[in-house]
């Protein structure tokens, strides 16, 4: 009797495995060449667009950072000039 239940469970497991494997095979089966090329081309276009957007964001951030650095450089230059003038004014007095 126990042997019969064990055989039944094994057959049930086998059938379940076959059904699951078949379903996965249908879901994951390779598409036709035309469909695969279309998907690859679409993915390539999406990747290219993402790369362009990233390049634009990086370029903008670079320009902003460079502008801020120039502003800081000019501000530091003015402060140094002011400090030099003050130091020279103190030395000559």
PDB file of N, CA and C in Angstrom:
ATOM      1  N   UNK A   1       0.819  -1.186   0.000  1.00  0.00           N
ATOM      2  CA  UNK A   1       0.000   0.000   0.000  1.00  0.00           C
ATOM      3  C   UNK A   1       0.868   1.258   0.000  1.00  0.00           C
ATOM      4  N   UNK A   2       1.867   1.313   0.871  1.00  0.00           N
ATOM      5  CA  UNK A   2       2.750   2.468   0.936  1.00  0.00           C
ATOM      6  C   UNK A   2       3.510   2.608  -0.369  1.00  0.00           C
ATOM      7  N   UNK A   3       3.854   1.481  -0.965  1.00  0.00           N
ATOM      8  CA  UNK A   3       4.571   1.495  -2.226  1.00  0.00           C
ATOM      9  C   UNK A   3       3.702   2.116  -3.321  1.00  0.00           C
ATOM     10  N   UNK A   4       2.426   1.842  -3.310  1.00  0.00           N
ATOM     11  CA  UNK A   4       1.485   2.383  -4.284  1.00  0.00           C
ATOM     12  C   UNK A   4       1.410   3.908  -4.159  1.00  0.00           C
ATOM     13  N   UNK A   5       1.346   4.427  -2.934  1.00  0.00           N
ATOM     14  CA  UNK A   5       1.297   5.878  -2.703  1.00  0.00           C
ATOM     15  C   UNK A   5       2.599   6.547  -3.169  1.00  0.00           C
ATOM     16  N   UNK A   6       3.687   5.852  -2.920  1.00  0.00           N
ATOM     17  CA  UNK A   6       4.984   6.383  -3.329  1.00  0.00           C
ATOM     18  C   UNK A   6       5.072   6.453  -4.851  1.00  0.00           C
ATOM     19  N   UNK A   7       4.589   5.412  -5.528  1.00  0.00           N
ATOM     20  CA  UNK A   7       4.595   5.421  -6.989  1.00  0.00           C
ATOM     21  C   UNK A   7       3.687   6.522  -7.531  1.00  0.00           C
ATOM     22  N   UNK A   8       2.541   6.669  -6.903  1.00  0.00           N
ATOM     23  CA  UNK A   8       1.596   7.698  -7.327  1.00  0.00           C
ATOM     24  C   UNK A   8       2.186   9.091  -7.148  1.00  0.00           C
ATOM     25  N   UNK A   9       2.861   9.325  -6.027  1.00  0.00           N
ATOM     26  CA  UNK A   9       3.493  10.613  -5.762  1.00  0.00           C
ATOM     27  C   UNK A   9       4.609  10.866  -6.774  1.00  0.00           C
ATOM     28  N   UNK A  10       5.372   9.826  -7.099  1.00  0.00           N
ATOM     29  CA  UNK A  10       6.462   9.973  -8.061  1.00  0.00           C
ATOM     30  C   UNK A  10       5.912  10.312  -9.444  1.00  0.00           C
ATOM     31  N   UNK A  11       4.853   9.614  -9.863  1.00  0.00           N
ATOM     32  CA  UNK A  11       4.247   9.883 -11.167  1.00  0.00           C
ATOM     33  C   UNK A  11       3.649  11.288 -11.184  1.00  0.00           C
ATOM     34  N   UNK A  12       2.991  11.675 -10.088  1.00  0.00           N
ATOM     35  CA  UNK A  12       2.417  13.024  -9.998  1.00  0.00           C
ATOM     36  C   UNK A  12       3.501  14.081 -10.086  1.00  0.00           C
ATOM     37  N   UNK A  13       4.603  13.847  -9.387  1.00  0.00           N
ATOM     38  CA  UNK A  13       5.718  14.793  -9.449  1.00  0.00           C
ATOM     39  C   UNK A  13       6.299  14.874 -10.838  1.00  0.00           C
ATOM     40  N   UNK A  14       6.416  13.715 -11.502  1.00  0.00           N
ATOM     41  CA  UNK A  14       6.953  13.675 -12.863  1.00  0.00           C
ATOM     42  C   UNK A  14       6.047  14.452 -13.809  1.00  0.00           C
ATOM     43  N   UNK A  15       4.743  14.210 -13.726  1.00  0.00           N
ATOM     44  CA  UNK A  15       3.791  14.888 -14.607  1.00  0.00           C
ATOM     45  C   UNK A  15       3.830  16.403 -14.351  1.00  0.00           C
ATOM     46  N   UNK A  16       3.874  16.781 -13.084  1.00  0.00           N
ATOM     47  CA  UNK A  16       3.955  18.205 -12.750  1.00  0.00           C
ATOM     48  C   UNK A  16       5.226  18.812 -13.343  1.00  0.00           C
ATOM     49  N   UNK A  17       6.338  18.109 -13.199  1.00  0.00           N
ATOM     50  CA  UNK A  17       7.601  18.589 -13.757  1.00  0.00           C
ATOM     51  C   UNK A  17       7.547  18.738 -15.258  1.00  0.00           C
ATOM     52  N   UNK A  18       6.929  17.758 -15.936  1.00  0.00           N
ATOM     53  CA  UNK A  18       6.806  17.819 -17.395  1.00  0.00           C
ATOM     54  C   UNK A  18       5.959  19.020 -17.804  1.00  0.00           C
ATOM     55  N   UNK A  19       4.850  19.248 -17.103  1.00  0.00           N
ATOM     56  CA  UNK A  19       3.983  20.383 -17.433  1.00  0.00           C
ATOM     57  C   UNK A  19       4.690  21.717 -17.180  1.00  0.00           C
ATOM     58  N   UNK A  20       5.376  21.826 -16.039  1.00  0.00           N
ATOM     59  CA  UNK A  20       6.104  23.054 -15.736  1.00  0.00           C
ATOM     60  C   UNK A  20       7.235  23.291 -16.746  1.00  0.00           C
ATOM     61  N   UNK A  21       7.945  22.237 -17.074  1.00  0.00           N
ATOM     62  CA  UNK A  21       9.034  22.354 -18.050  1.00  0.00           C
ATOM     63  C   UNK A  21       8.523  22.774 -19.415  1.00  0.00           C
ATOM     64  N   UNK A  22       7.392  22.198 -19.823  1.00  0.00           N
ATOM     65  CA  UNK A  22       6.801  22.574 -21.108  1.00  0.00           C
ATOM     66  C   UNK A  22       6.368  24.032 -21.132  1.00  0.00           C
ATOM     67  N   UNK A  23       5.757  24.471 -20.046  1.00  0.00           N
ATOM     68  CA  UNK A  23       5.318  25.868 -19.962  1.00  0.00           C
ATOM     69  C   UNK A  23       6.520  26.809 -20.016  1.00  0.00           C
ATOM     70  N   UNK A  24       7.566  26.493 -19.258  1.00  0.00           N
ATOM     71  CA  UNK A  24       8.771  27.321 -19.283  1.00  0.00           C
ATOM     72  C   UNK A  24       9.421  27.298 -20.661  1.00  0.00           C
ATOM     73  N   UNK A  25       9.410  26.130 -21.291  1.00  0.00           N
ATOM     74  CA  UNK A  25       9.982  26.034 -22.634  1.00  0.00           C
ATOM     75  C   UNK A  25       9.264  26.933 -23.617  1.00  0.00           C
ATOM     76  N   UNK A  26       7.941  26.991 -23.521  1.00  0.00           N
ATOM     77  CA  UNK A  26       7.175  27.863 -24.409  1.00  0.00           C
ATOM     78  C   UNK A  26       7.464  29.338 -24.116  1.00  0.00           C
ATOM     79  N   UNK A  27       7.595  29.654 -22.828  1.00  0.00           N
ATOM     80  CA  UNK A  27       7.858  31.045 -22.452  1.00  0.00           C
ATOM     81  C   UNK A  27       9.264  31.495 -22.838  1.00  0.00           C
ATOM     82  N   UNK A  28      10.213  30.601 -22.718  1.00  0.00           N
ATOM     83  CA  UNK A  28      11.612  30.962 -22.934  1.00  0.00           C
ATOM     84  C   UNK A  28      12.166  30.532 -24.290  1.00  0.00           C
ATOM     85  N   UNK A  29      11.330  29.949 -25.117  1.00  0.00           N
ATOM     86  CA  UNK A  29      11.786  29.475 -26.427  1.00  0.00           C
ATOM     87  C   UNK A  29      12.293  30.656 -27.252  1.00  0.00           C
ATOM     88  N   UNK A  30      13.341  30.436 -28.023  1.00  0.00           N
ATOM     89  CA  UNK A  30      13.859  31.527 -28.847  1.00  0.00           C
ATOM     90  C   UNK A  30      12.813  31.983 -29.854  1.00  0.00           C
ATOM     91  N   UNK A  31      12.800  33.269 -30.100  1.00  0.00           N
ATOM     92  CA  UNK A  31      11.871  33.824 -31.073  1.00  0.00           C
ATOM     93  C   UNK A  31      12.447  33.613 -32.471  1.00  0.00           C
ATOM     94  N   UNK A  32      11.654  33.944 -33.454  1.00  0.00           N
ATOM     95  CA  UNK A  32      12.131  33.833 -34.836  1.00  0.00           C
ATOM     96  C   UNK A  32      13.276  34.817 -35.049  1.00  0.00           C
ATOM     97  N   UNK A  33      14.032  34.609 -36.102  1.00  0.00           N
ATOM     98  CA  UNK A  33      15.151  35.496 -36.403  1.00  0.00           C
ATOM     99  C   UNK A  33      14.698  36.936 -36.587  1.00  0.00           C
ATOM    100  N   UNK A  34      13.592  37.124 -37.275  1.00  0.00           N
ATOM    101  CA  UNK A  34      13.068  38.470 -37.504  1.00  0.00           C
ATOM    102  C   UNK A  34      12.700  39.131 -36.180  1.00  0.00           C
ATOM    103  N   UNK A  35      12.034  38.379 -35.300  1.00  0.00           N
ATOM    104  CA  UNK A  35      11.626  38.920 -34.004  1.00  0.00           C
ATOM    105  C   UNK A  35      12.853  39.215 -33.132  1.00  0.00           C
ATOM    106  N   UNK A  36      13.824  38.333 -33.172  1.00  0.00           N
ATOM    107  CA  UNK A  36      15.042  38.540 -32.380  1.00  0.00           C
ATOM    108  C   UNK A  36      15.791  39.782 -32.854  1.00  0.00           C
ATOM    109  N   UNK A  37      15.897  39.953 -34.171  1.00  0.00           N
ATOM    110  CA  UNK A  37      16.561  41.141 -34.707  1.00  0.00           C
ATOM    111  C   UNK A  37      15.790  42.408 -34.352  1.00  0.00           C
ATOM    112  N   UNK A  38      14.468  42.349 -34.423  1.00  0.00           N
ATOM    113  CA  UNK A  38      13.643  43.514 -34.080  1.00  0.00           C
ATOM    114  C   UNK A  38      13.835  43.884 -32.612  1.00  0.00           C
ATOM    115  N   UNK A  39      13.838  42.879 -31.744  1.00  0.00           N
ATOM    116  CA  UNK A  39      14.048  43.149 -30.313  1.00  0.00           C
ATOM    117  C   UNK A  39      15.447  43.700 -30.069  1.00  0.00           C
ATOM    118  N   UNK A  40      16.445  43.120 -30.736  1.00  0.00           N
ATOM    119  CA  UNK A  40      17.821  43.592 -30.563  1.00  0.00           C
ATOM    120  C   UNK A  40      17.958  45.027 -31.060  1.00  0.00           C
ATOM    121  N   UNK A  41      17.346  45.343 -32.198  1.00  0.00           N
ATOM    122  CA  UNK A  41      17.399  46.705 -32.725  1.00  0.00           C
ATOM    123  C   UNK A  41      16.703  47.691 -31.788  1.00  0.00           C
ATOM    124  N   UNK A  42      15.560  47.293 -31.244  1.00  0.00           N
ATOM    125  CA  UNK A  42      14.838  48.154 -30.310  1.00  0.00           C
ATOM    126  C   UNK A  42      15.679  48.406 -29.073  1.00  0.00           C
ATOM    127  N   UNK A  43      16.273  47.348 -28.555  1.00  0.00           N
ATOM    128  CA  UNK A  43      17.117  47.478 -27.355  1.00  0.00           C
ATOM    129  C   UNK A  43      18.331  48.362 -27.654  1.00  0.00           C
ATOM    130  N   UNK A  44      18.891  48.224 -28.842  1.00  0.00           N
ATOM    131  CA  UNK A  44      20.029  49.052 -29.245  1.00  0.00           C
ATOM    132  C   UNK A  44      19.627  50.525 -29.327  1.00  0.00           C
ATOM    133  N   UNK A  45      18.454  50.795 -29.910  1.00  0.00           N
ATOM    134  CA  UNK A  45      17.971  52.181 -29.985  1.00  0.00           C
ATOM    135  C   UNK A  45      17.744  52.754 -28.586  1.00  0.00           C
ATOM    136  N   UNK A  46      17.151  51.953 -27.695  1.00  0.00           N
ATOM    137  CA  UNK A  46      16.923  52.415 -26.317  1.00  0.00           C
ATOM    138  C   UNK A  46      18.246  52.688 -25.605  1.00  0.00           C
ATOM    139  N   UNK A  47      19.211  51.814 -25.804  1.00  0.00           N
ATOM    140  CA  UNK A  47      20.517  51.997 -25.170  1.00  0.00           C
ATOM    141  C   UNK A  47      21.220  53.232 -25.717  1.00  0.00           C
ATOM    142  N   UNK A  48      21.133  53.431 -27.028  1.00  0.00           N
ATOM    143  CA  UNK A  48      21.748  54.614 -27.645  1.00  0.00           C
ATOM    144  C   UNK A  48      21.098  55.886 -27.110  1.00  0.00           C
ATOM    145  N   UNK A  49      19.786  55.887 -26.984  1.00  0.00           N
ATOM    146  CA  UNK A  49      19.079  57.059 -26.454  1.00  0.00           C
ATOM    147  C   UNK A  49      19.481  57.311 -25.000  1.00  0.00           C
ATOM    148  N   UNK A  50      19.580  56.257 -24.213  1.00  0.00           N
ATOM    149  CA  UNK A  50      20.017  56.402 -22.821  1.00  0.00           C
ATOM    150  C   UNK A  50      21.431  56.961 -22.756  1.00  0.00           C
ATOM    151  N   UNK A  51      22.299  56.501 -23.647  1.00  0.00           N
ATOM    152  CA  UNK A  51      23.682  56.991 -23.677  1.00  0.00           C
ATOM    153  C   UNK A  51      23.720  58.473 -24.049  1.00  0.00           C
ATOM    154  N   UNK A  52      22.893  58.881 -25.016  1.00  0.00           N
ATOM    155  CA  UNK A  52      22.836  60.302 -25.404  1.00  0.00           C
ATOM    156  C   UNK A  52      22.347  61.155 -24.228  1.00  0.00           C
ATOM    157  N   UNK A  53      21.302  60.676 -23.544  1.00  0.00           N
ATOM    158  CA  UNK A  53      20.784  61.419 -22.396  1.00  0.00           C
ATOM    159  C   UNK A  53      21.836  61.528 -21.296  1.00  0.00           C
ATOM    160  N   UNK A  54      22.558  60.447 -21.046  1.00  0.00           N
ATOM    161  CA  UNK A  54      23.613  60.473 -20.039  1.00  0.00           C
ATOM    162  C   UNK A  54      24.714  61.450 -20.434  1.00  0.00           C
ATOM    163  N   UNK A  55      25.113  61.427 -21.711  1.00  0.00           N
ATOM    164  CA  UNK A  55      26.137  62.348 -22.207  1.00  0.00           C
ATOM    165  C   UNK A  55      25.693  63.789 -22.018  1.00  0.00           C
ATOM    166  N   UNK A  56      24.431  64.065 -22.327  1.00  0.00           N
ATOM    167  CA  UNK A  56      23.919  65.429 -22.168  1.00  0.00           C
ATOM    168  C   UNK A  56      23.932  65.856 -20.700  1.00  0.00           C
ATOM    169  N   UNK A  57      23.536  64.959 -19.808  1.00  0.00           N
ATOM    170  CA  UNK A  57      23.536  65.291 -18.372  1.00  0.00           C
ATOM    171  C   UNK A  57      24.955  65.518 -17.868  1.00  0.00           C
ATOM    172  N   UNK A  58      25.884  64.667 -18.306  1.00  0.00           N
ATOM    173  CA  UNK A  58      27.284  64.816 -17.880  1.00  0.00           C
ATOM    174  C   UNK A  58      27.864  66.116 -18.422  1.00  0.00           C
ATOM    175  N   UNK A  59      27.581  66.436 -19.683  1.00  0.00           N
ATOM    176  CA  UNK A  59      28.082  67.681 -20.279  1.00  0.00           C
ATOM    177  C   UNK A  59      27.541  68.895 -19.536  1.00  0.00           C
ATOM    178  N   UNK A  60      26.255  68.866 -19.225  1.00  0.00           N
ATOM    179  CA  UNK A  60      25.652  69.976 -18.488  1.00  0.00           C
ATOM    180  C   UNK A  60      26.296  70.115 -17.112  1.00  0.00           C
ATOM    181  N   UNK A  61      26.452  68.993 -16.408  1.00  0.00           N
ATOM    182  CA  UNK A  61      27.057  69.036 -15.079  1.00  0.00           C
ATOM    183  C   UNK A  61      28.502  69.546 -15.166  1.00  0.00           C
ATOM    184  N   UNK A  62      29.224  69.136 -16.210  1.00  0.00           N
ATOM    185  CA  UNK A  62      30.605  69.595 -16.392  1.00  0.00           C
ATOM    186  C   UNK A  62      30.643  71.106 -16.589  1.00  0.00           C
ATOM    187  N   UNK A  63      29.757  71.604 -17.462  1.00  0.00           N
ATOM    188  CA  UNK A  63      29.719  73.047 -17.701  1.00  0.00           C
ATOM    189  C   UNK A  63      29.367  73.812 -16.433  1.00  0.00           C
ATOM    190  N   UNK A  64      28.398  73.297 -15.687  1.00  0.00           N
ATOM    191  CA  UNK A  64      28.026  73.946 -14.430  1.00  0.00           C
ATOM    192  C   UNK A  64      29.189  73.958 -13.446  1.00  0.00           C
ATOM    193  N   UNK A  65      29.856  72.834 -13.327  1.00  0.00           N
ATOM    194  CA  UNK A  65      30.990  72.731 -12.398  1.00  0.00           C
ATOM    195  C   UNK A  65      32.137  73.618 -12.840  1.00  0.00           C
ATOM    196  N   UNK A  66      32.415  73.640 -14.136  1.00  0.00           N
ATOM    197  CA  UNK A  66      33.489  74.489 -14.650  1.00  0.00           C
ATOM    198  C   UNK A  66      33.161  75.960 -14.405  1.00  0.00           C
ATOM    199  N   UNK A  67      31.918  76.343 -14.608  1.00  0.00           N
ATOM    200  CA  UNK A  67      31.508  77.726 -14.355  1.00  0.00           C
ATOM    201  C   UNK A  67      31.653  78.085 -12.880  1.00  0.00           C
ATOM    202  N   UNK A  68      31.244  77.171 -12.013  1.00  0.00           N
ATOM    203  CA  UNK A  68      31.383  77.413 -10.573  1.00  0.00           C
ATOM    204  C   UNK A  68      32.859  77.514 -10.188  1.00  0.00           C
ATOM    205  N   UNK A  69      33.697  76.680 -10.780  1.00  0.00           N
ATOM    206  CA  UNK A  69      35.135  76.723 -10.478  1.00  0.00           C
ATOM    207  C   UNK A  69      35.739  78.043 -10.938  1.00  0.00           C
ATOM    208  N   UNK A  70      35.333  78.517 -12.128  1.00  0.00           N
ATOM    209  CA  UNK A  70      35.829  79.815 -12.607  1.00  0.00           C
ATOM    210  C   UNK A  70      35.404  80.935 -11.658  1.00  0.00           C
ATOM    211  N   UNK A  71      34.160  80.873 -11.210  1.00  0.00           N
ATOM    212  CA  UNK A  71      33.671  81.885 -10.269  1.00  0.00           C
ATOM    213  C   UNK A  71      34.463  81.868  -8.976  1.00  0.00           C
ATOM    214  N   UNK A  72      34.747  80.688  -8.462  1.00  0.00           N
ATOM    215  CA  UNK A  72      35.540  80.592  -7.228  1.00  0.00           C
ATOM    216  C   UNK A  72      36.960  81.094  -7.446  1.00  0.00           C
ATOM    217  N   UNK A  73      37.517  80.787  -8.602  1.00  0.00           N
ATOM    218  CA  UNK A  73      38.877  81.247  -8.919  1.00  0.00           C
ATOM    219  C   UNK A  73      38.928  82.773  -8.940  1.00  0.00           C
ATOM    220  N   UNK A  74      37.936  83.375  -9.598  1.00  0.00           N
ATOM    221  CA  UNK A  74      37.894  84.839  -9.661  1.00  0.00           C
ATOM    222  C   UNK A  74      37.708  85.442  -8.269  1.00  0.00           C
ATOM    223  N   UNK A  75      36.841  84.861  -7.478  1.00  0.00           N
ATOM    224  CA  UNK A  75      36.606  85.341  -6.119  1.00  0.00           C
ATOM    225  C   UNK A  75      37.876  85.226  -5.283  1.00  0.00           C
ATOM    226  N   UNK A  76      38.566  84.098  -5.393  1.00  0.00           N
ATOM    227  CA  UNK A  76      39.817  83.904  -4.658  1.00  0.00           C
ATOM    228  C   UNK A  76      40.876  84.909  -5.119  1.00  0.00           C
ATOM    229  N   UNK A  77      40.933  85.153  -6.438  1.00  0.00           N
ATOM    230  CA  UNK A  77      41.876  86.131  -6.976  1.00  0.00           C
ATOM    231  C   UNK A  77      41.622  87.522  -6.405  1.00  0.00           C
ATOM    232  N   UNK A  78      40.353  87.916  -6.328  1.00  0.00           N
ATOM    233  CA  UNK A  78      40.021  89.235  -5.767  1.00  0.00           C
ATOM    234  C   UNK A  78      40.410  89.313  -4.291  1.00  0.00           C
ATOM    235  N   UNK A  79      40.159  88.241  -3.553  1.00  0.00           N
ATOM    236  CA  UNK A  79      40.507  88.229  -2.124  1.00  0.00           C
ATOM    237  C   UNK A  79      42.028  88.282  -1.929  1.00  0.00           C
ATOM    238  N   UNK A  80      42.750  87.557  -2.785  1.00  0.00           N
ATOM    239  CA  UNK A  80      44.213  87.602  -2.686  1.00  0.00           C
ATOM    240  C   UNK A  80      44.735  89.003  -2.982  1.00  0.00           C
ATOM    241  N   UNK A  81      44.182  89.640  -4.013  1.00  0.00           N
ATOM    242  CA  UNK A  81      44.579  91.007  -4.346  1.00  0.00           C
ATOM    243  C   UNK A  81      44.295  91.942  -3.176  1.00  0.00           C
ATOM    244  N   UNK A  82      43.141  91.778  -2.590  1.00  0.00           N
ATOM    245  CA  UNK A  82      42.769  92.602  -1.452  1.00  0.00           C
ATOM    246  C   UNK A  82      43.715  92.360  -0.280  1.00  0.00           C
ATOM    247  N   UNK A  83      44.054  91.105  -0.034  1.00  0.00           N
ATOM    248  CA  UNK A  83      44.970  90.776   1.060  1.00  0.00           C
ATOM    249  C   UNK A  83      46.361  91.337   0.777  1.00  0.00           C
ATOM    250  N   UNK A  84      46.805  91.296  -0.478  1.00  0.00           N
ATOM    251  CA  UNK A  84      48.122  91.860  -0.835  1.00  0.00           C
ATOM    252  C   UNK A  84      48.147  93.371  -0.607  1.00  0.00           C
ATOM    253  N   UNK A  85      47.074  94.008  -1.052  1.00  0.00           N
ATOM    254  CA  UNK A  85      47.005  95.461  -0.877  1.00  0.00           C
ATOM    255  C   UNK A  85      47.022  95.818   0.611  1.00  0.00           C
ATOM    256  N   UNK A  86      46.253  95.052   1.385  1.00  0.00           N
ATOM    257  CA  UNK A  86      46.213  95.316   2.822  1.00  0.00           C
ATOM    258  C   UNK A  86      47.589  95.081   3.445  1.00  0.00           C
ATOM    259  N   UNK A  87      48.245  93.997   3.019  1.00  0.00           N
ATOM    260  CA  UNK A  87      49.571  93.698   3.568  1.00  0.00           C
ATOM    261  C   UNK A  87      50.572  94.774   3.175  1.00  0.00           C
ATOM    262  N   UNK A  88      50.532  95.234   1.938  1.00  0.00           N
ATOM    263  CA  UNK A  88      51.441  96.281   1.482  1.00  0.00           C
ATOM    264  C   UNK A  88      51.140  97.597   2.186  1.00  0.00           C
ATOM    265  N   UNK A  89      49.871  97.857   2.398  1.00  0.00           N
ATOM    266  CA  UNK A  89      49.484  99.079   3.110  1.00  0.00           C
ATOM    267  C   UNK A  89      49.978  99.044   4.539  1.00  0.00           C
ATOM    268  N   UNK A  90      49.968  97.912   5.163  1.00  0.00           N
ATOM    269  CA  UNK A  90      50.444  97.799   6.542  1.00  0.00           C
ATOM    270  C   UNK A  90      51.967  97.912   6.608  1.00  0.00           C
ATOM    271  N   UNK A  91      52.653  97.374   5.604  1.00  0.00           N
ATOM    272  CA  UNK A  91      54.130  97.405   5.601  1.00  0.00           C
ATOM    273  C   UNK A  91      54.657  98.806   5.367  1.00  0.00           C
ATOM    274  N   UNK A  92      53.994  99.557   4.518  1.00  0.00           N
ATOM    275  CA  UNK A  92      54.505 100.900   4.202  1.00  0.00           C
ATOM    276  C   UNK A  92      54.114 101.922   5.251  1.00  0.00           C
ATOM    277  N   UNK A  93      53.187 101.623   6.067  1.00  0.00           N
ATOM    278  CA  UNK A  93      52.759 102.597   7.080  1.00  0.00           C
ATOM    279  C   UNK A  93      53.718 102.709   8.210  1.00  0.00           C
TER     280      UNK A  93
END
